[in-house]
Amino acid sequence: SNTPVKVAVALGAQRLIILPTGYACALQLPPRGAV
């Protein structure tokens, strides 16, 4: 659960402010290398 939205709601949250992490924009070229 990278962004634990379901966890927050299960704990009673009615209003969430989400800080996305790990998002990548579309690239012009493929990344270099397997990793």
Full PDB file with SEQRES, HELIX, SHEET, SSBOND, CRYST1, ORIGX, SCALE, CONECT and MASTER records, all heavy atoms in Angstrom:
SEQRES   1 A   35  SER ASN THR PRO VAL LYS VAL ALA VAL ALA LEU GLY ALA          
SEQRES   2 A   35  GLN ARG LEU ILE ILE LEU PRO THR GLY TYR ALA CYS ALA          
SEQRES   3 A   35  LEU GLN LEU PRO PRO ARG GLY ALA VAL                          
HELIX    1 AA1 VAL A    5  ALA A   10  1                                   6    
CRYST1    1.000    1.000    1.000  90.00  90.00  90.00 P 1           1          
ORIGX1      1.000000  0.000000  0.000000        0.00000                         
ORIGX2      0.000000  1.000000  0.000000        0.00000                         
ORIGX3      0.000000  0.000000  1.000000        0.00000                         
SCALE1      1.000000  0.000000  0.000000        0.00000                         
SCALE2      0.000000  1.000000  0.000000        0.00000                         
SCALE3      0.000000  0.000000  1.000000        0.00000                         
ATOM      1  N   SER A   1       0.842  -1.195   0.000  1.00  0.00           N  
ATOM      2  CA  SER A   1       0.000   0.000   0.000  1.00  0.00           C  
ATOM      3  C   SER A   1       0.876   1.243   0.000  1.00  0.00           C  
ATOM      4  O   SER A   1       1.142   1.822   1.053  1.00  0.00           O  
ATOM      5  CB  SER A   1      -0.913  -0.013   1.231  1.00  0.00           C  
ATOM      6  OG  SER A   1      -1.800   1.067   1.199  1.00  0.00           O  
ATOM      7  N   ASN A   2       1.311   1.669  -1.193  1.00  0.00           N  
ATOM      8  CA  ASN A   2       2.216   2.813  -1.269  1.00  0.00           C  
ATOM      9  C   ASN A   2       1.597   4.077  -0.683  1.00  0.00           C  
ATOM     10  O   ASN A   2       2.243   4.820   0.025  1.00  0.00           O  
ATOM     11  CB  ASN A   2       2.647   3.069  -2.713  1.00  0.00           C  
ATOM     12  CG  ASN A   2       3.720   4.131  -2.776  1.00  0.00           C  
ATOM     13  OD1 ASN A   2       4.809   3.929  -2.263  1.00  0.00           O  
ATOM     14  ND2 ASN A   2       3.412   5.267  -3.357  1.00  0.00           N  
ATOM     15  N   THR A   3       0.350   4.327  -1.005  1.00  0.00           N  
ATOM     16  CA  THR A   3      -0.380   5.450  -0.422  1.00  0.00           C  
ATOM     17  C   THR A   3      -1.569   4.826   0.309  1.00  0.00           C  
ATOM     18  O   THR A   3      -2.558   4.475  -0.317  1.00  0.00           O  
ATOM     19  CB  THR A   3      -0.862   6.424  -1.515  1.00  0.00           C  
ATOM     20  OG1 THR A   3       0.261   6.774  -2.338  1.00  0.00           O  
ATOM     21  CG2 THR A   3      -1.448   7.680  -0.904  1.00  0.00           C  
ATOM     22  N   PRO A   4      -1.459   4.656   1.620  1.00  0.00           N  
ATOM     23  CA  PRO A   4      -2.461   3.865   2.362  1.00  0.00           C  
ATOM     24  C   PRO A   4      -3.812   4.556   2.538  1.00  0.00           C  
ATOM     25  O   PRO A   4      -4.275   4.798   3.647  1.00  0.00           O  
ATOM     26  CB  PRO A   4      -1.762   3.586   3.689  1.00  0.00           C  
ATOM     27  CG  PRO A   4      -0.773   4.687   3.849  1.00  0.00           C  
ATOM     28  CD  PRO A   4      -0.363   5.098   2.468  1.00  0.00           C  
ATOM     29  N   VAL A   5      -4.465   4.836   1.428  1.00  0.00           N  
ATOM     30  CA  VAL A   5      -5.770   5.479   1.436  1.00  0.00           C  
ATOM     31  C   VAL A   5      -6.787   4.605   2.160  1.00  0.00           C  
ATOM     32  O   VAL A   5      -7.529   5.081   3.024  1.00  0.00           O  
ATOM     33  CB  VAL A   5      -6.218   5.765  -0.019  1.00  0.00           C  
ATOM     34  CG1 VAL A   5      -7.663   6.200  -0.082  1.00  0.00           C  
ATOM     35  CG2 VAL A   5      -5.305   6.799  -0.663  1.00  0.00           C  
ATOM     36  N   LYS A   6      -6.830   3.319   1.832  1.00  0.00           N  
ATOM     37  CA  LYS A   6      -7.794   2.413   2.454  1.00  0.00           C  
ATOM     38  C   LYS A   6      -7.569   2.305   3.963  1.00  0.00           C  
ATOM     39  O   LYS A   6      -8.525   2.203   4.731  1.00  0.00           O  
ATOM     40  CB  LYS A   6      -7.708   1.028   1.819  1.00  0.00           C  
ATOM     41  CG  LYS A   6      -8.226   0.971   0.396  1.00  0.00           C  
ATOM     42  CD  LYS A   6      -8.096  -0.426  -0.157  1.00  0.00           C  
ATOM     43  CE  LYS A   6      -8.509  -0.498  -1.602  1.00  0.00           C  
ATOM     44  NZ  LYS A   6      -8.310  -1.829  -2.171  1.00  0.00           N  
ATOM     45  N   VAL A   7      -6.325   2.337   4.384  1.00  0.00           N  
ATOM     46  CA  VAL A   7      -6.000   2.283   5.819  1.00  0.00           C  
ATOM     47  C   VAL A   7      -6.584   3.507   6.513  1.00  0.00           C  
ATOM     48  O   VAL A   7      -7.228   3.391   7.562  1.00  0.00           O  
ATOM     49  CB  VAL A   7      -4.473   2.190   6.046  1.00  0.00           C  
ATOM     50  CG1 VAL A   7      -4.116   2.357   7.514  1.00  0.00           C  
ATOM     51  CG2 VAL A   7      -3.936   0.865   5.507  1.00  0.00           C  
ATOM     52  N   ALA A   8      -6.373   4.686   5.944  1.00  0.00           N  
ATOM     53  CA  ALA A   8      -6.873   5.926   6.549  1.00  0.00           C  
ATOM     54  C   ALA A   8      -8.394   5.911   6.649  1.00  0.00           C  
ATOM     55  O   ALA A   8      -8.961   6.266   7.688  1.00  0.00           O  
ATOM     56  CB  ALA A   8      -6.397   7.127   5.739  1.00  0.00           C  
ATOM     57  N   VAL A   9      -9.065   5.474   5.596  1.00  0.00           N  
ATOM     58  CA  VAL A   9     -10.532   5.431   5.599  1.00  0.00           C  
ATOM     59  C   VAL A   9     -11.029   4.401   6.614  1.00  0.00           C  
ATOM     60  O   VAL A   9     -11.982   4.654   7.352  1.00  0.00           O  
ATOM     61  CB  VAL A   9     -11.074   5.159   4.180  1.00  0.00           C  
ATOM     62  CG1 VAL A   9     -12.567   4.886   4.199  1.00  0.00           C  
ATOM     63  CG2 VAL A   9     -10.747   6.338   3.261  1.00  0.00           C  
ATOM     64  N   ALA A  10     -10.380   3.253   6.696  1.00  0.00           N  
ATOM     65  CA  ALA A  10     -10.770   2.227   7.668  1.00  0.00           C  
ATOM     66  C   ALA A  10     -10.619   2.731   9.107  1.00  0.00           C  
ATOM     67  O   ALA A  10     -11.348   2.301   9.995  1.00  0.00           O  
ATOM     68  CB  ALA A  10      -9.938   0.962   7.471  1.00  0.00           C  
ATOM     69  N   LEU A  11      -9.698   3.665   9.316  1.00  0.00           N  
ATOM     70  CA  LEU A  11      -9.503   4.245  10.642  1.00  0.00           C  
ATOM     71  C   LEU A  11     -10.445   5.416  10.908  1.00  0.00           C  
ATOM     72  O   LEU A  11     -10.375   6.048  11.952  1.00  0.00           O  
ATOM     73  CB  LEU A  11      -8.045   4.690  10.819  1.00  0.00           C  
ATOM     74  CG  LEU A  11      -7.030   3.549  10.905  1.00  0.00           C  
ATOM     75  CD1 LEU A  11      -5.612   4.074  10.773  1.00  0.00           C  
ATOM     76  CD2 LEU A  11      -7.206   2.783  12.215  1.00  0.00           C  
ATOM     77  N   GLY A  12     -11.314   5.731   9.938  1.00  0.00           N  
ATOM     78  CA  GLY A  12     -12.328   6.757  10.158  1.00  0.00           C  
ATOM     79  C   GLY A  12     -12.100   8.079   9.445  1.00  0.00           C  
ATOM     80  O   GLY A  12     -12.873   9.017   9.631  1.00  0.00           O  
ATOM     81  N   ALA A  13     -11.078   8.199   8.626  1.00  0.00           N  
ATOM     82  CA  ALA A  13     -10.825   9.456   7.927  1.00  0.00           C  
ATOM     83  C   ALA A  13     -11.967   9.762   6.959  1.00  0.00           C  
ATOM     84  O   ALA A  13     -12.428   8.892   6.238  1.00  0.00           O  
ATOM     85  CB  ALA A  13      -9.501   9.387   7.169  1.00  0.00           C  
ATOM     86  N   GLN A  14     -12.421  11.008   6.969  1.00  0.00           N  
ATOM     87  CA  GLN A  14     -13.465  11.477   6.063  1.00  0.00           C  
ATOM     88  C   GLN A  14     -12.915  12.463   5.035  1.00  0.00           C  
ATOM     89  O   GLN A  14     -13.561  12.757   4.045  1.00  0.00           O  
ATOM     90  CB  GLN A  14     -14.582  12.171   6.863  1.00  0.00           C  
ATOM     91  CG  GLN A  14     -15.325  11.240   7.793  1.00  0.00           C  
ATOM     92  CD  GLN A  14     -16.181  10.256   7.008  1.00  0.00           C  
ATOM     93  OE1 GLN A  14     -16.941  10.639   6.129  1.00  0.00           O  
ATOM     94  NE2 GLN A  14     -16.056   8.986   7.320  1.00  0.00           N  
ATOM     95  N   ARG A  15     -11.708  12.972   5.319  1.00  0.00           N  
ATOM     96  CA  ARG A  15     -11.061  13.963   4.448  1.00  0.00           C  
ATOM     97  C   ARG A  15      -9.579  13.618   4.379  1.00  0.00           C  
ATOM     98  O   ARG A  15      -8.904  13.526   5.408  1.00  0.00           O  
ATOM     99  CB  ARG A  15     -11.250  15.353   5.027  1.00  0.00           C  
ATOM    100  CG  ARG A  15     -10.746  16.464   4.169  1.00  0.00           C  
ATOM    101  CD  ARG A  15     -11.161  17.797   4.771  1.00  0.00           C  
ATOM    102  NE  ARG A  15     -10.931  18.850   3.812  1.00  0.00           N  
ATOM    103  CZ  ARG A  15     -10.222  19.929   4.076  1.00  0.00           C  
ATOM    104  NH1 ARG A  15      -9.699  20.102   5.280  1.00  0.00           N  
ATOM    105  NH2 ARG A  15     -10.050  20.853   3.163  1.00  0.00           N  
ATOM    106  N   LEU A  16      -9.077  13.423   3.177  1.00  0.00           N  
ATOM    107  CA  LEU A  16      -7.693  13.019   2.984  1.00  0.00           C  
ATOM    108  C   LEU A  16      -6.947  14.074   2.174  1.00  0.00           C  
ATOM    109  O   LEU A  16      -7.492  14.611   1.209  1.00  0.00           O  
ATOM    110  CB  LEU A  16      -7.622  11.694   2.216  1.00  0.00           C  
ATOM    111  CG  LEU A  16      -8.422  10.522   2.773  1.00  0.00           C  
ATOM    112  CD1 LEU A  16      -8.419   9.381   1.770  1.00  0.00           C  
ATOM    113  CD2 LEU A  16      -7.836  10.083   4.085  1.00  0.00           C  
ATOM    114  N   ILE A  17      -5.728  14.346   2.567  1.00  0.00           N  
ATOM    115  CA  ILE A  17      -4.824  15.164   1.769  1.00  0.00           C  
ATOM    116  C   ILE A  17      -3.690  14.231   1.386  1.00  0.00           C  
ATOM    117  O   ILE A  17      -2.936  13.766   2.232  1.00  0.00           O  
ATOM    118  CB  ILE A  17      -4.326  16.393   2.548  1.00  0.00           C  
ATOM    119  CG1 ILE A  17      -5.524  17.257   2.950  1.00  0.00           C  
ATOM    120  CG2 ILE A  17      -3.322  17.185   1.700  1.00  0.00           C  
ATOM    121  CD1 ILE A  17      -5.196  18.414   3.847  1.00  0.00           C  
ATOM    122  N   ILE A  18      -3.593  13.936   0.101  1.00  0.00           N  
ATOM    123  CA  ILE A  18      -2.696  12.897  -0.402  1.00  0.00           C  
ATOM    124  C   ILE A  18      -1.450  13.528  -1.002  1.00  0.00           C  
ATOM    125  O   ILE A  18      -1.538  14.398  -1.868  1.00  0.00           O  
ATOM    126  CB  ILE A  18      -3.431  12.031  -1.442  1.00  0.00           C  
ATOM    127  CG1 ILE A  18      -4.645  11.371  -0.765  1.00  0.00           C  
ATOM    128  CG2 ILE A  18      -2.494  11.013  -2.066  1.00  0.00           C  
ATOM    129  CD1 ILE A  18      -5.640  10.802  -1.728  1.00  0.00           C  
ATOM    130  N   LEU A  19      -0.307  13.060  -0.525  1.00  0.00           N  
ATOM    131  CA  LEU A  19       0.989  13.483  -1.043  1.00  0.00           C  
ATOM    132  C   LEU A  19       1.556  12.329  -1.851  1.00  0.00           C  
ATOM    133  O   LEU A  19       2.175  11.425  -1.302  1.00  0.00           O  
ATOM    134  CB  LEU A  19       1.940  13.837   0.108  1.00  0.00           C  
ATOM    135  CG  LEU A  19       1.416  14.841   1.130  1.00  0.00           C  
ATOM    136  CD1 LEU A  19       2.287  14.859   2.364  1.00  0.00           C  
ATOM    137  CD2 LEU A  19       1.322  16.214   0.510  1.00  0.00           C  
ATOM    138  N   PRO A  20       1.338  12.296  -3.159  1.00  0.00           N  
ATOM    139  CA  PRO A  20       1.822  11.167  -3.959  1.00  0.00           C  
ATOM    140  C   PRO A  20       3.349  11.075  -3.943  1.00  0.00           C  
ATOM    141  O   PRO A  20       4.031  12.094  -3.964  1.00  0.00           O  
ATOM    142  CB  PRO A  20       1.324  11.467  -5.369  1.00  0.00           C  
ATOM    143  CG  PRO A  20       0.426  12.631  -5.265  1.00  0.00           C  
ATOM    144  CD  PRO A  20       0.674  13.304  -3.967  1.00  0.00           C  
ATOM    145  N   THR A  21       3.835   9.869  -3.897  1.00  0.00           N  
ATOM    146  CA  THR A  21       5.279   9.654  -3.948  1.00  0.00           C  
ATOM    147  C   THR A  21       5.590   8.694  -5.078  1.00  0.00           C  
ATOM    148  O   THR A  21       4.772   7.865  -5.453  1.00  0.00           O  
ATOM    149  CB  THR A  21       5.799   9.053  -2.627  1.00  0.00           C  
ATOM    150  OG1 THR A  21       5.141   7.805  -2.417  1.00  0.00           O  
ATOM    151  CG2 THR A  21       5.556   9.969  -1.456  1.00  0.00           C  
ATOM    152  N   GLY A  22       6.767   8.814  -5.622  1.00  0.00           N  
ATOM    153  CA  GLY A  22       7.205   7.864  -6.625  1.00  0.00           C  
ATOM    154  C   GLY A  22       6.578   8.024  -7.984  1.00  0.00           C  
ATOM    155  O   GLY A  22       6.691   7.154  -8.815  1.00  0.00           O  
ATOM    156  N   TYR A  23       5.907   9.144  -8.249  1.00  0.00           N  
ATOM    157  CA  TYR A  23       5.265   9.321  -9.545  1.00  0.00           C  
ATOM    158  C   TYR A  23       6.294   9.754 -10.579  1.00  0.00           C  
ATOM    159  O   TYR A  23       7.133  10.600 -10.326  1.00  0.00           O  
ATOM    160  CB  TYR A  23       4.149  10.361  -9.464  1.00  0.00           C  
ATOM    161  CG  TYR A  23       3.510  10.600 -10.793  1.00  0.00           C  
ATOM    162  CD1 TYR A  23       2.714   9.623 -11.355  1.00  0.00           C  
ATOM    163  CD2 TYR A  23       3.742  11.752 -11.504  1.00  0.00           C  
ATOM    164  CE1 TYR A  23       2.137   9.806 -12.596  1.00  0.00           C  
ATOM    165  CE2 TYR A  23       3.167  11.949 -12.741  1.00  0.00           C  
ATOM    166  CZ  TYR A  23       2.362  10.970 -13.286  1.00  0.00           C  
ATOM    167  OH  TYR A  23       1.810  11.152 -14.510  1.00  0.00           O  
ATOM    168  N   ALA A  24       6.216   9.170 -11.752  1.00  0.00           N  
ATOM    169  CA  ALA A  24       7.102   9.551 -12.853  1.00  0.00           C  
ATOM    170  C   ALA A  24       6.274  10.045 -14.021  1.00  0.00           C  
ATOM    171  O   ALA A  24       5.285   9.425 -14.392  1.00  0.00           O  
ATOM    172  CB  ALA A  24       7.953   8.367 -13.298  1.00  0.00           C  
ATOM    173  N   CYS A  25       6.686  11.143 -14.589  1.00  0.00           N  
ATOM    174  CA  CYS A  25       6.038  11.658 -15.789  1.00  0.00           C  
ATOM    175  C   CYS A  25       6.381  10.748 -16.962  1.00  0.00           C  
ATOM    176  O   CYS A  25       7.349   9.994 -16.912  1.00  0.00           O  
ATOM    177  CB  CYS A  25       6.555  13.063 -16.095  1.00  0.00           C  
ATOM    178  SG  CYS A  25       6.291  14.235 -14.763  1.00  0.00           S  
ATOM    179  N   ALA A  26       5.597  10.862 -18.014  1.00  0.00           N  
ATOM    180  CA  ALA A  26       5.924  10.129 -19.236  1.00  0.00           C  
ATOM    181  C   ALA A  26       7.294  10.606 -19.710  1.00  0.00           C  
ATOM    182  O   ALA A  26       7.599  11.790 -19.652  1.00  0.00           O  
ATOM    183  CB  ALA A  26       4.863  10.380 -20.295  1.00  0.00           C  
ATOM    184  N   LEU A  27       8.100   9.694 -20.151  1.00  0.00           N  
ATOM    185  CA  LEU A  27       9.465  10.016 -20.572  1.00  0.00           C  
ATOM    186  C   LEU A  27       9.537  10.163 -22.088  1.00  0.00           C  
ATOM    187  O   LEU A  27       8.717   9.602 -22.815  1.00  0.00           O  
ATOM    188  CB  LEU A  27      10.423   8.910 -20.129  1.00  0.00           C  
ATOM    189  CG  LEU A  27      10.462   8.606 -18.634  1.00  0.00           C  
ATOM    190  CD1 LEU A  27      11.393   7.421 -18.371  1.00  0.00           C  
ATOM    191  CD2 LEU A  27      10.903   9.824 -17.847  1.00  0.00           C  
ATOM    192  N   GLN A  28      10.553  10.898 -22.560  1.00  0.00           N  
ATOM    193  CA  GLN A  28      10.788  11.009 -23.997  1.00  0.00           C  
ATOM    194  C   GLN A  28      11.470   9.757 -24.520  1.00  0.00           C  
ATOM    195  O   GLN A  28      11.196   9.315 -25.623  1.00  0.00           O  
ATOM    196  CB  GLN A  28      11.690  12.205 -24.276  1.00  0.00           C  
ATOM    197  CG  GLN A  28      10.935  13.429 -24.702  1.00  0.00           C  
ATOM    198  CD  GLN A  28      11.890  14.481 -25.236  1.00  0.00           C  
ATOM    199  OE1 GLN A  28      12.942  14.736 -24.674  1.00  0.00           O  
ATOM    200  NE2 GLN A  28      11.503  15.092 -26.331  1.00  0.00           N  
ATOM    201  N   LEU A  29      12.361   9.194 -23.711  1.00  0.00           N  
ATOM    202  CA  LEU A  29      13.118   8.004 -24.082  1.00  0.00           C  
ATOM    203  C   LEU A  29      13.052   6.993 -22.946  1.00  0.00           C  
ATOM    204  O   LEU A  29      12.874   7.378 -21.789  1.00  0.00           O  
ATOM    205  CB  LEU A  29      14.590   8.366 -24.345  1.00  0.00           C  
ATOM    206  CG  LEU A  29      14.858   9.353 -25.480  1.00  0.00           C  
ATOM    207  CD1 LEU A  29      16.313   9.803 -25.448  1.00  0.00           C  
ATOM    208  CD2 LEU A  29      14.523   8.706 -26.816  1.00  0.00           C  
ATOM    209  N   PRO A  30      13.222   5.717 -23.244  1.00  0.00           N  
ATOM    210  CA  PRO A  30      13.229   4.722 -22.168  1.00  0.00           C  
ATOM    211  C   PRO A  30      14.394   4.978 -21.194  1.00  0.00           C  
ATOM    212  O   PRO A  30      15.439   5.484 -21.602  1.00  0.00           O  
ATOM    213  CB  PRO A  30      13.433   3.395 -22.888  1.00  0.00           C  
ATOM    214  CG  PRO A  30      13.141   3.663 -24.322  1.00  0.00           C  
ATOM    215  CD  PRO A  30      13.401   5.101 -24.561  1.00  0.00           C  
ATOM    216  N   PRO A  31      14.209   4.640 -19.934  1.00  0.00           N  
ATOM    217  CA  PRO A  31      15.317   4.759 -18.987  1.00  0.00           C  
ATOM    218  C   PRO A  31      16.488   3.892 -19.437  1.00  0.00           C  
ATOM    219  O   PRO A  31      16.293   2.888 -20.130  1.00  0.00           O  
ATOM    220  CB  PRO A  31      14.723   4.248 -17.670  1.00  0.00           C  
ATOM    221  CG  PRO A  31      13.256   4.346 -17.840  1.00  0.00           C  
ATOM    222  CD  PRO A  31      12.993   4.147 -19.305  1.00  0.00           C  
ATOM    223  N   ARG A  32      17.686   4.261 -18.995  1.00  0.00           N  
ATOM    224  CA  ARG A  32      18.880   3.514 -19.382  1.00  0.00           C  
ATOM    225  C   ARG A  32      19.216   2.503 -18.308  1.00  0.00           C  
ATOM    226  O   ARG A  32      19.414   2.865 -17.162  1.00  0.00           O  
ATOM    227  CB  ARG A  32      20.049   4.458 -19.591  1.00  0.00           C  
ATOM    228  CG  ARG A  32      19.760   5.453 -20.701  1.00  0.00           C  
ATOM    229  CD  ARG A  32      20.894   6.371 -20.882  1.00  0.00           C  
ATOM    230  NE  ARG A  32      21.702   5.841 -21.978  1.00  0.00           N  
ATOM    231  CZ  ARG A  32      22.804   6.395 -22.397  1.00  0.00           C  
ATOM    232  NH1 ARG A  32      23.266   7.466 -21.814  1.00  0.00           N  
ATOM    233  NH2 ARG A  32      23.467   5.860 -23.404  1.00  0.00           N  
ATOM    234  N   GLY A  33      19.226   1.249 -18.683  1.00  0.00           N  
ATOM    235  CA  GLY A  33      19.620   0.185 -17.766  1.00  0.00           C  
ATOM    236  C   GLY A  33      18.434  -0.521 -17.152  1.00  0.00           C  
ATOM    237  O   GLY A  33      17.317   0.004 -17.076  1.00  0.00           O  
ATOM    238  N   ALA A  34      18.699  -1.732 -16.709  1.00  0.00           N  
ATOM    239  CA  ALA A  34      17.646  -2.587 -16.153  1.00  0.00           C  
ATOM    240  C   ALA A  34      17.045  -1.999 -14.878  1.00  0.00           C  
ATOM    241  O   ALA A  34      15.823  -1.993 -14.709  1.00  0.00           O  
ATOM    242  CB  ALA A  34      18.201  -3.987 -15.882  1.00  0.00           C  
ATOM    243  N   VAL A  35      17.872  -1.506 -13.978  1.00  0.00           N  
ATOM    244  CA  VAL A  35      17.365  -0.961 -12.711  1.00  0.00           C  
ATOM    245  C   VAL A  35      16.513   0.277 -12.974  1.00  0.00           C  
ATOM    246  O   VAL A  35      15.419   0.423 -12.417  1.00  0.00           O  
ATOM    247  CB  VAL A  35      18.526  -0.650 -11.737  1.00  0.00           C  
ATOM    248  CG1 VAL A  35      18.027   0.079 -10.510  1.00  0.00           C  
ATOM    249  CG2 VAL A  35      19.236  -1.937 -11.333  1.00  0.00           C  
TER     250      VAL A  35                                                      
MASTER        0    0    0    1    0    0    0    6  249    1    0    3          
END                                                                             
